[in-house]
Amino acid sequence: MYPIIEFCVSNLASGAQEAFERLEKDPNLDIIEYGCLGYCGKCSSSLYALVNGEVVSGDTTDELVKNIYTFIDEYQNQMF
């Protein structure tokens, strides 16, 4: 099962689009776009995505992508 990464369309418009497009190229990830994820406070203050249901954020696109991959690595290490 691949990690599920969910993006809010409002956050994509606020700058997360580049992260979405970079992650979408990874065939080992399931990327989903929603109209709203219900994290409006987080959405207005930083770039973020839900990774397997957990909020992962970053101040920049590069940081968001890095933090998502770090979270996935830590999550998978906990599973084994």
PDB file of N, CA and C in Angstrom:
ATOM      1  N   MET A   1       0.838  -1.179   0.000  1.00  0.00           N
ATOM      2  CA  MET A   1       0.000   0.000   0.000  1.00  0.00           C
ATOM      3  C   MET A   1       0.890   1.252   0.000  1.00  0.00           C
ATOM      4  N   TYR A   2       0.607   2.146  -0.896  1.00  0.00           N
ATOM      5  CA  TYR A   2       1.382   3.374  -1.007  1.00  0.00           C
ATOM      6  C   TYR A   2       0.900   4.416  -0.005  1.00  0.00           C
ATOM      7  N   PRO A   3       1.803   5.303   0.442  1.00  0.00           N
ATOM      8  CA  PRO A   3       1.378   6.406   1.301  1.00  0.00           C
ATOM      9  C   PRO A   3       0.376   7.285   0.557  1.00  0.00           C
ATOM     10  N   ILE A   4      -0.622   7.764   1.289  1.00  0.00           N
ATOM     11  CA  ILE A   4      -1.647   8.635   0.715  1.00  0.00           C
ATOM     12  C   ILE A   4      -1.342  10.064   1.141  1.00  0.00           C
ATOM     13  N   ILE A   5      -1.206  10.936   0.156  1.00  0.00           N
ATOM     14  CA  ILE A   5      -0.908  12.338   0.419  1.00  0.00           C
ATOM     15  C   ILE A   5      -2.065  13.170  -0.121  1.00  0.00           C
ATOM     16  N   GLU A   6      -2.693  13.916   0.781  1.00  0.00           N
ATOM     17  CA  GLU A   6      -3.877  14.698   0.430  1.00  0.00           C
ATOM     18  C   GLU A   6      -3.555  16.186   0.490  1.00  0.00           C
ATOM     19  N   PHE A   7      -3.955  16.896  -0.542  1.00  0.00           N
ATOM     20  CA  PHE A   7      -3.760  18.334  -0.627  1.00  0.00           C
ATOM     21  C   PHE A   7      -5.102  19.048  -0.692  1.00  0.00           C
ATOM     22  N   CYS A   8      -5.165  20.196  -0.056  1.00  0.00           N
ATOM     23  CA  CYS A   8      -6.326  21.089  -0.129  1.00  0.00           C
ATOM     24  C   CYS A   8      -6.150  21.997  -1.343  1.00  0.00           C
ATOM     25  N   VAL A   9      -7.189  22.167  -2.135  1.00  0.00           N
ATOM     26  CA  VAL A   9      -7.088  22.994  -3.339  1.00  0.00           C
ATOM     27  C   VAL A   9      -6.731  24.438  -2.983  1.00  0.00           C
ATOM     28  N   SER A  10      -7.191  24.940  -1.844  1.00  0.00           N
ATOM     29  CA  SER A  10      -6.835  26.303  -1.433  1.00  0.00           C
ATOM     30  C   SER A  10      -5.349  26.415  -1.124  1.00  0.00           C
ATOM     31  N   ASN A  11      -4.781  25.374  -0.508  1.00  0.00           N
ATOM     32  CA  ASN A  11      -3.359  25.390  -0.202  1.00  0.00           C
ATOM     33  C   ASN A  11      -2.542  25.251  -1.475  1.00  0.00           C
ATOM     34  N   LEU A  12      -3.055  24.512  -2.442  1.00  0.00           N
ATOM     35  CA  LEU A  12      -2.383  24.426  -3.740  1.00  0.00           C
ATOM     36  C   LEU A  12      -2.288  25.808  -4.362  1.00  0.00           C
ATOM     37  N   ALA A  13      -3.381  26.572  -4.281  1.00  0.00           N
ATOM     38  CA  ALA A  13      -3.400  27.919  -4.833  1.00  0.00           C
ATOM     39  C   ALA A  13      -2.493  28.862  -4.051  1.00  0.00           C
ATOM     40  N   SER A  14      -2.217  28.523  -2.791  1.00  0.00           N
ATOM     41  CA  SER A  14      -1.367  29.366  -1.948  1.00  0.00           C
ATOM     42  C   SER A  14       0.114  29.033  -2.078  1.00  0.00           C
ATOM     43  N   GLY A  15       0.450  28.047  -2.913  1.00  0.00           N
ATOM     44  CA  GLY A  15       1.857  27.763  -3.150  1.00  0.00           C
ATOM     45  C   GLY A  15       2.259  26.303  -3.106  1.00  0.00           C
ATOM     46  N   ALA A  16       1.363  25.420  -2.699  1.00  0.00           N
ATOM     47  CA  ALA A  16       1.717  24.003  -2.593  1.00  0.00           C
ATOM     48  C   ALA A  16       1.640  23.264  -3.927  1.00  0.00           C
ATOM     49  N   GLN A  17       1.214  23.940  -4.981  1.00  0.00           N
ATOM     50  CA  GLN A  17       1.056  23.293  -6.288  1.00  0.00           C
ATOM     51  C   GLN A  17       2.350  22.654  -6.777  1.00  0.00           C
ATOM     52  N   GLU A  18       3.460  23.334  -6.585  1.00  0.00           N
ATOM     53  CA  GLU A  18       4.749  22.792  -7.037  1.00  0.00           C
ATOM     54  C   GLU A  18       5.077  21.494  -6.289  1.00  0.00           C
ATOM     55  N   ALA A  19       4.812  21.462  -4.990  1.00  0.00           N
ATOM     56  CA  ALA A  19       5.041  20.242  -4.209  1.00  0.00           C
ATOM     57  C   ALA A  19       4.138  19.126  -4.715  1.00  0.00           C
ATOM     58  N   PHE A  20       2.885  19.448  -4.973  1.00  0.00           N
ATOM     59  CA  PHE A  20       1.920  18.484  -5.511  1.00  0.00           C
ATOM     60  C   PHE A  20       2.459  17.869  -6.802  1.00  0.00           C
ATOM     61  N   GLU A  21       2.914  18.721  -7.709  1.00  0.00           N
ATOM     62  CA  GLU A  21       3.401  18.250  -9.013  1.00  0.00           C
ATOM     63  C   GLU A  21       4.666  17.406  -8.873  1.00  0.00           C
ATOM     64  N   ARG A  22       5.552  17.780  -7.968  1.00  0.00           N
ATOM     65  CA  ARG A  22       6.769  16.995  -7.757  1.00  0.00           C
ATOM     66  C   ARG A  22       6.444  15.630  -7.171  1.00  0.00           C
ATOM     67  N   LEU A  23       5.571  15.605  -6.182  1.00  0.00           N
ATOM     68  CA  LEU A  23       5.215  14.339  -5.535  1.00  0.00           C
ATOM     69  C   LEU A  23       4.400  13.446  -6.462  1.00  0.00           C
ATOM     70  N   GLU A  24       3.605  14.057  -7.318  1.00  0.00           N
ATOM     71  CA  GLU A  24       2.756  13.312  -8.245  1.00  0.00           C
ATOM     72  C   GLU A  24       3.595  12.463  -9.207  1.00  0.00           C
ATOM     73  N   LYS A  25       4.832  12.851  -9.436  1.00  0.00           N
ATOM     74  CA  LYS A  25       5.720  12.105 -10.336  1.00  0.00           C
ATOM     75  C   LYS A  25       6.263  10.832  -9.697  1.00  0.00           C
ATOM     76  N   ASP A  26       6.113  10.705  -8.384  1.00  0.00           N
ATOM     77  CA  ASP A  26       6.615   9.536  -7.668  1.00  0.00           C
ATOM     78  C   ASP A  26       5.580   8.423  -7.764  1.00  0.00           C
ATOM     79  N   PRO A  27       5.882   7.332  -8.461  1.00  0.00           N
ATOM     80  CA  PRO A  27       4.893   6.256  -8.640  1.00  0.00           C
ATOM     81  C   PRO A  27       4.596   5.482  -7.357  1.00  0.00           C
ATOM     82  N   ASN A  28       5.352   5.747  -6.288  1.00  0.00           N
ATOM     83  CA  ASN A  28       5.143   5.049  -5.023  1.00  0.00           C
ATOM     84  C   ASN A  28       4.272   5.832  -4.050  1.00  0.00           C
ATOM     85  N   LEU A  29       3.635   6.887  -4.544  1.00  0.00           N
ATOM     86  CA  LEU A  29       2.762   7.709  -3.711  1.00  0.00           C
ATOM     87  C   LEU A  29       1.386   7.819  -4.358  1.00  0.00           C
ATOM     88  N   ASP A  30       0.351   7.875  -3.542  1.00  0.00           N
ATOM     89  CA  ASP A  30      -0.999   8.171  -4.021  1.00  0.00           C
ATOM     90  C   ASP A  30      -1.306   9.612  -3.624  1.00  0.00           C
ATOM     91  N   ILE A  31      -1.468  10.481  -4.613  1.00  0.00           N
ATOM     92  CA  ILE A  31      -1.697  11.900  -4.390  1.00  0.00           C
ATOM     93  C   ILE A  31      -3.156  12.214  -4.690  1.00  0.00           C
ATOM     94  N   ILE A  32      -3.810  12.899  -3.747  1.00  0.00           N
ATOM     95  CA  ILE A  32      -5.232  13.222  -3.894  1.00  0.00           C
ATOM     96  C   ILE A  32      -5.420  14.715  -3.627  1.00  0.00           C
ATOM     97  N   GLU A  33      -6.285  15.333  -4.407  1.00  0.00           N
ATOM     98  CA  GLU A  33      -6.617  16.747  -4.245  1.00  0.00           C
ATOM     99  C   GLU A  33      -8.072  16.855  -3.788  1.00  0.00           C
ATOM    100  N   TYR A  34      -8.303  17.622  -2.727  1.00  0.00           N
ATOM    101  CA  TYR A  34      -9.655  17.836  -2.208  1.00  0.00           C
ATOM    102  C   TYR A  34      -9.983  19.315  -2.213  1.00  0.00           C
ATOM    103  N   GLY A  35     -11.266  19.631  -2.215  1.00  0.00           N
ATOM    104  CA  GLY A  35     -11.701  21.021  -2.140  1.00  0.00           C
ATOM    105  C   GLY A  35     -11.331  21.649  -0.806  1.00  0.00           C
ATOM    106  N   CYS A  36     -11.452  20.884   0.273  1.00  0.00           N
ATOM    107  CA  CYS A  36     -11.108  21.375   1.608  1.00  0.00           C
ATOM    108  C   CYS A  36     -10.811  20.181   2.494  1.00  0.00           C
ATOM    109  N   LEU A  37      -9.773  20.319   3.320  1.00  0.00           N
ATOM    110  CA  LEU A  37      -9.421  19.260   4.254  1.00  0.00           C
ATOM    111  C   LEU A  37      -9.793  19.620   5.690  1.00  0.00           C
ATOM    112  N   GLY A  38     -10.305  20.845   5.897  1.00  0.00           N
ATOM    113  CA  GLY A  38     -10.762  21.250   7.215  1.00  0.00           C
ATOM    114  C   GLY A  38      -9.663  21.746   8.146  1.00  0.00           C
ATOM    115  N   TYR A  39      -8.530  22.125   7.607  1.00  0.00           N
ATOM    116  CA  TYR A  39      -7.436  22.669   8.411  1.00  0.00           C
ATOM    117  C   TYR A  39      -7.184  24.117   7.995  1.00  0.00           C
ATOM    118  N   CYS A  40      -8.216  24.939   8.065  1.00  0.00           N
ATOM    119  CA  CYS A  40      -8.153  26.302   7.529  1.00  0.00           C
ATOM    120  C   CYS A  40      -7.079  27.154   8.203  1.00  0.00           C
ATOM    121  N   GLY A  41      -6.886  27.000   9.513  1.00  0.00           N
ATOM    122  CA  GLY A  41      -5.840  27.752  10.204  1.00  0.00           C
ATOM    123  C   GLY A  41      -4.472  27.394   9.680  1.00  0.00           C
ATOM    124  N   LYS A  42      -4.211  26.106   9.513  1.00  0.00           N
ATOM    125  CA  LYS A  42      -2.934  25.625   8.975  1.00  0.00           C
ATOM    126  C   LYS A  42      -2.810  26.054   7.513  1.00  0.00           C
ATOM    127  N   CYS A  43      -3.891  25.983   6.779  1.00  0.00           N
ATOM    128  CA  CYS A  43      -3.889  26.306   5.353  1.00  0.00           C
ATOM    129  C   CYS A  43      -3.531  27.777   5.123  1.00  0.00           C
ATOM    130  N   SER A  44      -4.002  28.641   5.998  1.00  0.00           N
ATOM    131  CA  SER A  44      -3.743  30.068   5.808  1.00  0.00           C
ATOM    132  C   SER A  44      -2.348  30.483   6.266  1.00  0.00           C
ATOM    133  N   SER A  45      -1.685  29.631   7.067  1.00  0.00           N
ATOM    134  CA  SER A  45      -0.397  30.036   7.615  1.00  0.00           C
ATOM    135  C   SER A  45       0.815  29.332   7.023  1.00  0.00           C
ATOM    136  N   SER A  46       0.617  28.184   6.364  1.00  0.00           N
ATOM    137  CA  SER A  46       1.780  27.468   5.819  1.00  0.00           C
ATOM    138  C   SER A  46       1.348  26.519   4.714  1.00  0.00           C
ATOM    139  N   LEU A  47       2.323  25.957   4.047  1.00  0.00           N
ATOM    140  CA  LEU A  47       2.065  24.908   3.068  1.00  0.00           C
ATOM    141  C   LEU A  47       1.940  23.605   3.846  1.00  0.00           C
ATOM    142  N   TYR A  48       0.968  22.783   3.479  1.00  0.00           N
ATOM    143  CA  TYR A  48       0.791  21.531   4.206  1.00  0.00           C
ATOM    144  C   TYR A  48       0.099  20.495   3.340  1.00  0.00           C
ATOM    145  N   ALA A  49       0.164  19.260   3.807  1.00  0.00           N
ATOM    146  CA  ALA A  49      -0.562  18.145   3.201  1.00  0.00           C
ATOM    147  C   ALA A  49      -0.836  17.150   4.317  1.00  0.00           C
ATOM    148  N   LEU A  50      -1.824  16.313   4.118  1.00  0.00           N
ATOM    149  CA  LEU A  50      -2.050  15.200   5.027  1.00  0.00           C
ATOM    150  C   LEU A  50      -1.337  13.996   4.449  1.00  0.00           C
ATOM    151  N   VAL A  51      -0.523  13.353   5.268  1.00  0.00           N
ATOM    152  CA  VAL A  51       0.194  12.152   4.854  1.00  0.00           C
ATOM    153  C   VAL A  51      -0.306  11.023   5.740  1.00  0.00           C
ATOM    154  N   ASN A  52      -1.006  10.082   5.128  1.00  0.00           N
ATOM    155  CA  ASN A  52      -1.644   9.002   5.882  1.00  0.00           C
ATOM    156  C   ASN A  52      -2.448   9.553   7.050  1.00  0.00           C
ATOM    157  N   GLY A  53      -3.133  10.688   6.807  1.00  0.00           N
ATOM    158  CA  GLY A  53      -4.017  11.278   7.791  1.00  0.00           C
ATOM    159  C   GLY A  53      -3.367  12.219   8.786  1.00  0.00           C
ATOM    160  N   GLU A  54      -2.055  12.402   8.716  1.00  0.00           N
ATOM    161  CA  GLU A  54      -1.326  13.285   9.640  1.00  0.00           C
ATOM    162  C   GLU A  54      -0.874  14.553   8.912  1.00  0.00           C
ATOM    163  N   VAL A  55      -0.988  15.693   9.592  1.00  0.00           N
ATOM    164  CA  VAL A  55      -0.577  16.963   9.001  1.00  0.00           C
ATOM    165  C   VAL A  55       0.941  17.042   8.934  1.00  0.00           C
ATOM    166  N   VAL A  56       1.445  17.359   7.740  1.00  0.00           N
ATOM    167  CA  VAL A  56       2.869  17.615   7.520  1.00  0.00           C
ATOM    168  C   VAL A  56       2.946  18.969   6.831  1.00  0.00           C
ATOM    169  N   SER A  57       3.772  19.870   7.357  1.00  0.00           N
ATOM    170  CA  SER A  57       3.825  21.215   6.793  1.00  0.00           C
ATOM    171  C   SER A  57       5.256  21.638   6.507  1.00  0.00           C
ATOM    172  N   GLY A  58       5.379  22.774   5.844  1.00  0.00           N
ATOM    173  CA  GLY A  58       6.670  23.363   5.525  1.00  0.00           C
ATOM    174  C   GLY A  58       6.502  24.815   5.161  1.00  0.00           C
ATOM    175  N   ASP A  59       7.544  25.585   5.368  1.00  0.00           N
ATOM    176  CA  ASP A  59       7.486  27.008   5.042  1.00  0.00           C
ATOM    177  C   ASP A  59       7.692  27.265   3.557  1.00  0.00           C
ATOM    178  N   THR A  60       8.367  26.331   2.876  1.00  0.00           N
ATOM    179  CA  THR A  60       8.620  26.454   1.444  1.00  0.00           C
ATOM    180  C   THR A  60       8.217  25.148   0.762  1.00  0.00           C
ATOM    181  N   THR A  61       8.156  25.184  -0.546  1.00  0.00           N
ATOM    182  CA  THR A  61       7.843  23.978  -1.307  1.00  0.00           C
ATOM    183  C   THR A  61       8.883  22.893  -1.055  1.00  0.00           C
ATOM    184  N   ASP A  62      10.152  23.275  -1.112  1.00  0.00           N
ATOM    185  CA  ASP A  62      11.225  22.302  -0.880  1.00  0.00           C
ATOM    186  C   ASP A  62      11.117  21.686   0.513  1.00  0.00           C
ATOM    187  N   GLU A  63      10.845  22.522   1.502  1.00  0.00           N
ATOM    188  CA  GLU A  63      10.730  22.026   2.877  1.00  0.00           C
ATOM    189  C   GLU A  63       9.527  21.108   3.023  1.00  0.00           C
ATOM    190  N   LEU A  64       8.423  21.442   2.385  1.00  0.00           N
ATOM    191  CA  LEU A  64       7.238  20.590   2.454  1.00  0.00           C
ATOM    192  C   LEU A  64       7.527  19.218   1.856  1.00  0.00           C
ATOM    193  N   VAL A  65       8.128  19.186   0.686  1.00  0.00           N
ATOM    194  CA  VAL A  65       8.450  17.909   0.037  1.00  0.00           C
ATOM    195  C   VAL A  65       9.418  17.107   0.912  1.00  0.00           C
ATOM    196  N   LYS A  66      10.445  17.754   1.428  1.00  0.00           N
ATOM    197  CA  LYS A  66      11.414  17.089   2.304  1.00  0.00           C
ATOM    198  C   LYS A  66      10.715  16.529   3.543  1.00  0.00           C
ATOM    199  N   ASN A  67       9.862  17.324   4.169  1.00  0.00           N
ATOM    200  CA  ASN A  67       9.168  16.888   5.377  1.00  0.00           C
ATOM    201  C   ASN A  67       8.210  15.733   5.100  1.00  0.00           C
ATOM    202  N   ILE A  68       7.597  15.728   3.937  1.00  0.00           N
ATOM    203  CA  ILE A  68       6.699  14.626   3.567  1.00  0.00           C
ATOM    204  C   ILE A  68       7.493  13.329   3.426  1.00  0.00           C
ATOM    205  N   TYR A  69       8.617  13.387   2.718  1.00  0.00           N
ATOM    206  CA  TYR A  69       9.432  12.175   2.561  1.00  0.00           C
ATOM    207  C   TYR A  69      10.012  11.711   3.908  1.00  0.00           C
ATOM    208  N   THR A  70      10.404  12.651   4.752  1.00  0.00           N
ATOM    209  CA  THR A  70      10.908  12.295   6.086  1.00  0.00           C
ATOM    210  C   THR A  70       9.813  11.622   6.894  1.00  0.00           C
ATOM    211  N   PHE A  71       8.608  12.171   6.850  1.00  0.00           N
ATOM    212  CA  PHE A  71       7.485  11.584   7.580  1.00  0.00           C
ATOM    213  C   PHE A  71       7.208  10.169   7.081  1.00  0.00           C
ATOM    214  N   ILE A  72       7.210   9.984   5.784  1.00  0.00           N
ATOM    215  CA  ILE A  72       6.948   8.660   5.202  1.00  0.00           C
ATOM    216  C   ILE A  72       8.010   7.666   5.661  1.00  0.00           C
ATOM    217  N   ASP A  73       9.274   8.072   5.627  1.00  0.00           N
ATOM    218  CA  ASP A  73      10.359   7.188   6.069  1.00  0.00           C
ATOM    219  C   ASP A  73      10.179   6.792   7.532  1.00  0.00           C
ATOM    220  N   GLU A  74       9.880   7.767   8.385  1.00  0.00           N
ATOM    221  CA  GLU A  74       9.685   7.479   9.810  1.00  0.00           C
ATOM    222  C   GLU A  74       8.465   6.597  10.028  1.00  0.00           C
ATOM    223  N   TYR A  75       7.396   6.869   9.288  1.00  0.00           N
ATOM    224  CA  TYR A  75       6.161   6.088   9.401  1.00  0.00           C
ATOM    225  C   TYR A  75       6.418   4.638   8.998  1.00  0.00           C
ATOM    226  N   GLN A  76       7.133   4.438   7.915  1.00  0.00           N
ATOM    227  CA  GLN A  76       7.399   3.083   7.434  1.00  0.00           C
ATOM    228  C   GLN A  76       8.347   2.342   8.381  1.00  0.00           C
ATOM    229  N   ASN A  77       9.298   3.046   8.988  1.00  0.00           N
ATOM    230  CA  ASN A  77      10.196   2.409   9.959  1.00  0.00           C
ATOM    231  C   ASN A  77       9.444   1.963  11.209  1.00  0.00           C
ATOM    232  N   GLN A  78       8.400   2.687  11.594  1.00  0.00           N
ATOM    233  CA  GLN A  78       7.589   2.314  12.746  1.00  0.00           C
ATOM    234  C   GLN A  78       6.750   1.081  12.451  1.00  0.00           C
ATOM    235  N   MET A  79       6.424   0.878  11.195  1.00  0.00           N
ATOM    236  CA  MET A  79       5.577  -0.251  10.801  1.00  0.00           C
ATOM    237  C   MET A  79       6.344  -1.572  10.898  1.00  0.00           C
ATOM    238  N   PHE A  80       7.660  -1.518  10.819  1.00  0.00           N
ATOM    239  CA  PHE A  80       8.454  -2.757  10.812  1.00  0.00           C
ATOM    240  C   PHE A  80       9.200  -2.868  12.070  1.00  0.00           C
TER     241      PHE A  80
END
